[in-house]
Protein backbone atom coordinates (compact mmCIF):
# COMPACT_ATOMS: atom_id res chain seq x y z
CA VAL A 1 0.08 -0.07 0.04
CA GLN A 2 2.97 2.34 0.74
CA SER A 3 4.38 2.06 -2.29
CA SER A 4 1.55 3.43 -4.27
CA LEU A 5 0.66 6.23 -2.42
CA GLY A 6 1.11 9.89 -4.19
CA THR A 7 4.17 12.24 -3.35
CA HIS A 8 2.78 14.12 -0.53
CA CYS A 9 5.16 16.36 2.39
CA SER A 10 3.60 14.35 5.76
CA ILE A 11 3.62 10.99 3.91
CA GLN A 12 6.54 8.65 4.69
CA ARG A 13 7.84 7.69 0.85
CA LEU A 14 8.57 4.66 0.24
CA LEU A 15 11.55 3.58 -2.11
CA GLY A 16 11.84 0.12 -1.97
CA HIS A 17 11.48 -2.81 0.25
CA PHE A 18 12.07 -6.10 0.63
CA THR A 19 12.36 -9.18 3.57
CA ASP A 20 14.60 -11.61 4.37
CA ARG A 21 12.92 -14.39 2.72
CA LEU A 22 13.88 -15.96 -0.72
CA PRO A 23 11.19 -16.27 -3.11
CA GLN A 24 10.13 -19.67 -3.11
CA GLU A 25 11.32 -20.43 -7.07
CA LEU A 26 14.67 -19.44 -6.30
CA VAL A 27 15.18 -21.47 -3.02
CA LEU A 28 17.81 -24.56 -3.79
CA PRO A 29 17.03 -27.91 -2.34
CA GLY A 30 19.23 -28.35 0.65
CA ILE A 31 19.13 -24.61 1.63
CA PRO A 32 17.47 -23.66 5.03
CA GLY A 33 13.48 -23.41 4.78
CA LYS A 34 12.78 -25.29 2.26
CA GLN A 35 11.22 -28.57 3.36
CA SER A 36 12.80 -31.77 2.24
CA GLN A 37 11.11 -33.83 -0.48
CA GLY A 38 12.92 -37.52 0.93
CA PRO A 39 10.29 -40.19 2.29
CA SER A 40 12.28 -41.07 4.78
CA ARG A 41 12.84 -37.86 6.92
CA GLU A 42 10.09 -37.48 9.86
CA GLU A 43 7.87 -33.62 8.90
CA PRO A 44 6.86 -31.99 11.94
CA ALA A 45 3.07 -31.98 11.51
CA CYS A 46 2.60 -28.06 12.54
CA PRO A 47 5.68 -26.63 12.02
CA ALA A 48 5.58 -23.10 13.78
CA PRO A 49 5.64 -20.60 11.66
CA GLN A 50 8.75 -17.98 11.33
CA PRO A 51 8.18 -14.30 11.52
CA VAL A 52 9.00 -12.31 8.40
CA LEU A 53 11.26 -9.26 8.57
CA GLN A 54 9.72 -6.38 6.55
CA VAL A 55 12.94 -4.00 5.28
CA LEU A 56 11.92 -0.50 4.03
CA LEU A 57 14.15 1.74 1.84
CA CYS A 58 13.00 5.54 2.87
CA ALA A 59 13.66 8.36 1.18
CA GLU A 60 14.27 10.51 4.98
CA VAL A 61 15.91 9.94 8.24
CA PRO A 62 13.61 10.57 11.36
CA GLN A 63 15.00 11.88 13.59
CA GLN A 64 12.47 10.95 16.07
CA THR A 65 9.21 10.10 16.88
CA LEU A 66 6.41 12.55 18.23
CA ALA A 67 5.99 10.34 21.11
CA ASP A 68 9.63 10.81 22.13
CA PHE A 69 9.16 14.63 21.22
CA VAL A 70 6.36 14.89 23.40
CA LYS A 71 7.81 13.33 26.43
CA GLY A 72 11.07 15.63 26.14
CA SER A 73 9.32 19.06 25.84
CA HIS A 74 7.59 18.81 29.94
CA ALA A 75 10.22 21.69 30.97
CA LEU A 76 9.77 23.64 27.07
CA HIS A 77 6.03 23.26 27.79
CA ARG A 78 6.05 24.91 31.10
CA THR A 79 8.56 27.74 30.28
CA SER A 80 7.75 28.36 26.39
CA PRO A 81 3.94 27.94 26.42
CA GLY A 82 3.31 30.14 23.20
CA HIS A 83 6.28 28.59 21.63
CA TYR A 84 5.05 24.70 22.24
CA GLU A 85 1.66 24.84 21.49
CA ARG A 86 1.91 26.47 17.85
CA LEU A 87 4.49 24.06 16.74
CA GLY A 88 1.87 21.57 18.21
CA CYS A 89 -0.82 23.38 15.68
CA LEU A 90 1.85 23.15 13.10
CA LEU A 91 2.71 19.07 13.98
CA LEU A 92 -1.40 18.75 13.85
CA LEU A 93 -1.78 20.57 10.66
CA GLN A 94 0.91 18.22 9.07
CA ILE A 95 -1.02 15.47 10.47
CA CYS A 96 -4.84 17.05 9.10
CA MET A 97 -2.82 17.21 6.13
CA GLY A 98 -1.61 13.86 5.46
CA LEU A 99 -4.89 12.66 6.35
CA GLU A 100 -6.78 14.41 3.69
CA HIS A 101 -4.20 13.19 1.41
CA LEU A 102 -4.66 9.82 1.92
CA ARG A 103 -8.89 9.44 2.33
CA VAL A 104 -8.58 11.14 -1.24
CA GLN A 105 -6.62 7.63 -2.66
CA ASN A 106 -9.23 5.61 0.08
CA VAL A 107 -5.76 5.11 2.25
CA ALA A 108 -6.13 5.03 5.75
CA GLN A 109 -3.55 5.26 8.66
CA GLY A 110 -3.38 2.05 10.30
CA ASP A 111 -2.69 2.66 13.76
CA LEU A 112 -2.57 6.97 14.18
CA CYS A 113 -0.29 7.52 17.26
CA PRO A 114 2.20 9.23 18.17
CA GLU A 115 4.83 6.16 17.92
CA ASN A 116 3.97 5.81 14.24
CA LEU A 117 4.27 9.82 13.72
CA LEU A 118 7.80 10.39 12.47
CA LEU A 119 9.95 13.46 12.69
CA VAL A 120 12.29 15.03 10.43
CA GLN A 121 14.41 17.73 11.34
CA CYS A 122 14.10 20.34 8.25
CA PRO A 123 17.79 21.69 6.84
CA CYS A 124 18.94 24.87 8.81
CA PRO A 125 19.84 28.03 7.09
CA PRO A 126 23.77 28.73 6.77
CA GLN A 127 24.92 31.12 9.84
CA GLY A 128 24.90 34.17 7.83
CA GLN A 129 21.20 33.68 6.85
CA GLN A 130 20.22 32.97 10.18
CA GLY A 131 17.43 35.86 11.37
CA GLN A 132 16.18 35.80 14.88
CA LYS A 133 17.46 32.69 16.93
CA GLU A 134 15.39 30.19 17.59
CA LEU A 135 14.54 29.09 21.01
CA PRO A 136 16.09 25.49 22.01
CA GLY A 137 14.09 22.61 20.90
CA LEU A 138 11.41 25.13 19.01
CA SER A 139 12.75 24.22 15.44
CA LEU A 140 9.82 23.05 13.74
CA PRO A 141 10.69 19.22 12.40
CA ARG A 142 8.49 17.59 9.18
CA LEU A 143 6.21 15.65 10.00
CA LEU A 144 5.43 11.90 8.42
CA ILE A 145 2.55 9.78 8.54
CA SER A 146 3.88 5.77 8.51
CA SER A 147 1.79 2.18 8.14
CA PHE A 148 -1.23 2.79 5.73
CA PHE A 149 -4.06 0.05 4.63
CA LYS A 150 -6.60 0.13 2.07
CA VAL A 151 -9.95 0.85 3.13
CA GLN A 152 -11.57 -1.95 1.52
CA GLU A 153 -9.94 -4.73 2.67
CA LYS A 154 -12.29 -5.81 5.49
CA GLN A 155 -10.99 -8.78 6.49
CA ARG A 156 -7.05 -7.88 7.07
CA PRO A 157 -4.66 -9.50 9.55
CA CYS A 158 -3.72 -7.37 12.53
CA SER A 159 0.11 -7.01 12.79
CA SER A 160 -0.10 -5.55 16.15
CA SER A 161 -2.70 -5.64 18.75
CA GLN A 162 -2.49 -1.91 18.54
CA GLU A 163 -3.75 -2.37 14.93
CA GLN A 164 -6.82 -4.49 16.88
CA ASP A 165 -7.97 -2.44 19.11
CA TRP A 166 -8.07 0.83 16.78
CA SER A 167 -10.19 -1.09 14.49
CA GLN A 168 -12.44 -2.99 17.05
CA GLY A 169 -12.61 -0.25 20.26
CA LEU A 170 -13.47 2.72 18.57
CA ALA A 171 -16.56 0.79 16.69
CA ALA A 172 -16.25 2.58 14.02
CA PRO A 173 -18.39 1.53 10.77
CA SER A 174 -15.11 2.47 8.43
CA PRO A 175 -11.53 2.74 9.39
CA PRO A 176 -11.00 6.59 8.08
CA ALA A 177 -14.24 7.50 10.83
CA ALA A 178 -11.74 6.95 13.60
CA ALA A 179 -9.61 9.64 12.18
CA GLU A 180 -11.31 12.59 14.07
CA LEU A 181 -11.08 10.27 17.22
CA ASN A 182 -7.45 9.67 16.97
CA VAL A 183 -6.48 13.67 16.24
CA GLY A 184 -8.38 14.66 19.35
CA ARG A 185 -6.95 12.42 20.86
CA LEU A 186 -3.64 13.70 19.88
CA ILE A 187 -4.07 17.40 21.32
CA TYR A 188 -4.20 16.00 24.24
CA GLN A 189 -1.02 14.29 23.94
CA ILE A 190 0.99 17.01 22.64
CA LEU A 191 -0.67 19.56 25.25
CA HIS A 192 0.74 16.95 27.92
CA VAL A 193 -2.92 15.97 29.16
CA ASP A 194 -3.35 12.47 29.76
CA ILE A 195 -6.60 10.53 28.18
CA SER A 196 -7.62 7.38 27.47
CA LEU A 197 -9.67 5.69 25.09
CA GLU A 198 -12.28 5.26 28.08
CA ASN A 199 -12.45 8.89 28.11
CA ILE A 200 -13.06 9.40 24.27
CA LEU A 201 -15.73 7.13 23.47
CA GLY A 202 -17.59 8.10 27.18
CA PHE A 203 -17.39 5.24 28.59
CA ARG A 204 -16.44 5.92 31.99
CA SER A 205 -16.77 9.92 31.99
CA LYS A 206 -19.07 12.53 30.05
CA ARG A 207 -16.80 15.50 29.98
CA LEU A 208 -12.98 15.14 28.39
CA PRO A 209 -10.35 16.52 30.91
CA GLU A 210 -9.35 19.99 31.21
CA ILE A 211 -6.75 21.85 28.80
CA PRO A 212 -5.10 24.51 30.66
CA LEU A 213 -5.21 27.81 29.38
CA LEU A 214 -1.61 28.51 28.98
CA SER A 215 -1.06 30.55 25.62
CA ILE A 216 -3.11 32.40 22.67
CA TYR A 217 -3.38 28.54 21.24
CA SER A 218 -4.83 26.70 24.10
CA ALA A 219 -8.18 28.01 23.51
CA GLY A 220 -8.46 26.89 20.46
CA LEU A 221 -6.90 23.88 20.54
CA LYS A 222 -9.42 22.75 23.67
CA ARG A 223 -12.28 23.96 21.19
CA LEU A 224 -10.87 21.61 18.42
CA ALA A 225 -10.43 18.54 20.70
CA THR A 226 -14.06 18.85 21.76
CA LEU A 227 -15.44 19.31 18.36
CA LEU A 228 -13.03 16.08 17.30
CA LEU A 229 -14.20 14.07 19.81
CA HIS A 230 -18.28 15.11 20.15
CA ARG A 231 -19.91 11.98 21.41
CA ASP A 232 -22.48 12.36 18.23
CA PRO A 233 -20.55 11.76 15.50
CA HIS A 234 -23.20 13.85 13.25
CA GLN A 235 -21.52 16.80 15.21
CA ARG A 236 -18.00 16.25 14.77
CA VAL A 237 -15.75 17.90 12.50
CA SER A 238 -14.65 16.60 9.82
CA ILE A 239 -10.16 16.28 9.58
CA GLU A 240 -10.62 18.88 6.06
CA GLN A 241 -12.28 21.24 8.97
CA ALA A 242 -10.02 20.04 12.06
CA ARG A 243 -7.36 21.51 9.58
CA GLY A 244 -9.02 25.02 9.09
CA ILE A 245 -9.60 25.48 12.57
CA LEU A 246 -5.72 24.67 12.79
CA GLN A 247 -4.72 27.18 9.86
CA VAL A 248 -7.19 30.14 11.91
CA LEU A 249 -5.01 29.41 15.17
CA LEU A 250 -2.41 30.18 13.61
CA TRP A 251 -2.57 32.82 10.60
CA GLY A 252 -5.59 34.44 11.94
CA PRO A 253 -8.01 36.04 11.86
CA ARG A 254 -8.18 35.93 15.59
CA GLN A 255 -12.13 36.62 17.36
CA GLU A 256 -10.53 40.37 18.46
CA LEU A 257 -10.84 41.36 14.81
CA PHE A 258 -14.35 40.59 15.22
CA ALA A 259 -14.87 42.74 18.58
CA ARG A 260 -14.32 45.89 16.71
CA SER A 261 -16.37 45.12 13.29
CA ARG A 262 -19.26 43.29 12.61
CA LYS A 263 -17.84 39.70 10.76
CA SER A 264 -18.87 39.80 7.03
CA LEU A 265 -18.04 38.68 3.84
CA GLY A 266 -16.81 42.00 2.66
CA LEU A 267 -14.28 41.74 6.26
CA LEU A 268 -13.14 38.81 5.62
CA GLN A 269 -12.23 39.77 2.49
CA SER A 270 -10.50 43.05 2.83
CA TRP A 271 -8.60 41.65 6.08
CA LEU A 272 -7.33 38.40 3.03
CA GLN A 273 -6.48 41.22 0.49
CA VAL A 274 -3.80 43.10 3.10
CA LYS A 275 -2.68 39.58 4.68
CA ARG A 276 -1.65 38.43 1.43
CA ALA A 277 0.06 42.07 0.65
CA LEU A 278 2.06 41.67 3.88
CA LEU A 279 2.52 38.16 3.21
CA LEU A 280 4.42 38.87 0.01
CA LEU A 281 6.16 42.12 1.24
CA ARG A 282 7.91 39.77 3.64
CA PHE A 283 9.03 37.53 1.74
CA ALA A 284 10.55 40.86 -1.34
CA GLU A 285 12.54 42.30 2.31
CA ASN A 286 13.83 39.05 3.21
CA SER A 287 14.92 37.88 -0.29
CA ALA A 288 16.48 41.78 -0.91
CA GLY A 289 18.59 41.81 2.67
CA ALA A 290 19.56 37.99 2.29
CA ARG A 291 17.58 36.75 5.17
CA ALA A 292 16.79 32.97 5.29
CA SER A 293 15.19 31.62 2.79
CA PRO A 294 11.53 30.42 3.57
CA GLY A 295 11.49 27.34 5.82
CA LEU A 296 8.74 24.53 6.30
CA GLU A 297 6.58 26.86 8.56
CA GLU A 298 6.48 29.66 5.36
CA TRP A 299 5.51 27.35 3.03
CA LEU A 300 2.64 26.03 5.34
CA CYS A 301 1.20 30.01 5.64
CA CYS A 302 1.65 30.81 1.76
CA GLN A 303 -0.58 26.83 1.43
CA TYR A 304 -3.34 28.61 3.65
CA PHE A 305 -3.13 32.01 2.10
CA GLN A 306 -3.08 30.45 -1.35
CA GLY A 307 -6.07 28.13 -1.47
CA VAL A 308 -8.59 30.33 1.29
CA THR A 309 -11.57 32.00 0.30
CA GLU A 310 -14.32 34.81 2.60
CA HIS A 311 -16.35 31.80 2.48
CA THR A 312 -14.64 29.21 3.34
CA LEU A 313 -13.24 31.72 6.03
CA TYR A 314 -16.77 32.60 7.52
CA GLN A 315 -17.03 29.27 8.04
CA VAL A 316 -14.45 27.94 9.64
CA THR A 317 -14.71 31.11 12.54
CA GLN A 318 -18.40 30.30 13.32
CA VAL A 319 -17.55 26.46 14.40
CA LEU A 320 -13.94 28.24 16.01
CA TYR A 321 -15.47 30.98 17.79
CA ALA A 322 -19.19 29.69 18.53
CA PRO A 323 -20.45 30.61 22.25
């Protein structure tokens, strides 16, 4: 499945794969692993199946998993909550963009957990091109989704107990329906708030754990997690809507804009025009001043302002800033 996926910045790219077993037609007589044809030798009635080692050749070298990143960032979250939670929004945005790409190809993520989300260190600009210094541990890594399977395959052998829990415990009619629940769960994990599968499905508690309001992003992430983990599947936001909400949290418009003026399509259109002009001006100034070339965050920002319209902004802000 992975070898058939189209190229995407948030999907692990597979260059090739092989196993530690020779094809049956290449196994010569007398080589271990091939059953002897001699009638005199006794064969075991039920030989124990040997595990097959899968070797994948990938284009990117992961620096760590999302689980490693979250585990090692407790102190960073306490000392720089705004920077850390912005970084969390950017990582979640990459996850949503990757899941959208998979859904178009009728492919699902087999086990959307921090251990299967890989982080690749982006190349650093030369010292002469570096602008303001980044705080330690705050450089944005590129996130790669791994572990996939075709949605159509109803009866598929589970490779791990985690995949079995994912497909059976979530009680979803189809694997993609669980993506929203898993992304909502990831929000809590990134924000260092404990949440279990029982909390998500409402088996033990009707209320989700509280998310501390530590930065300007906390309330929006709390709102998004609530919408993704809604008990009624028909009232949950989709992955596409979650992506739009994260983009608004990162690059606006913020709720303060509507406190001064009544929200309308005209206001949002004017806001978009100003933001796009300022973005182009900033890139021009950076280029003229030999500043660092645009990085991953700038690319994600351009993706947002290239595709968003005042109509989509109106819908997203209605959901995000609803009372």
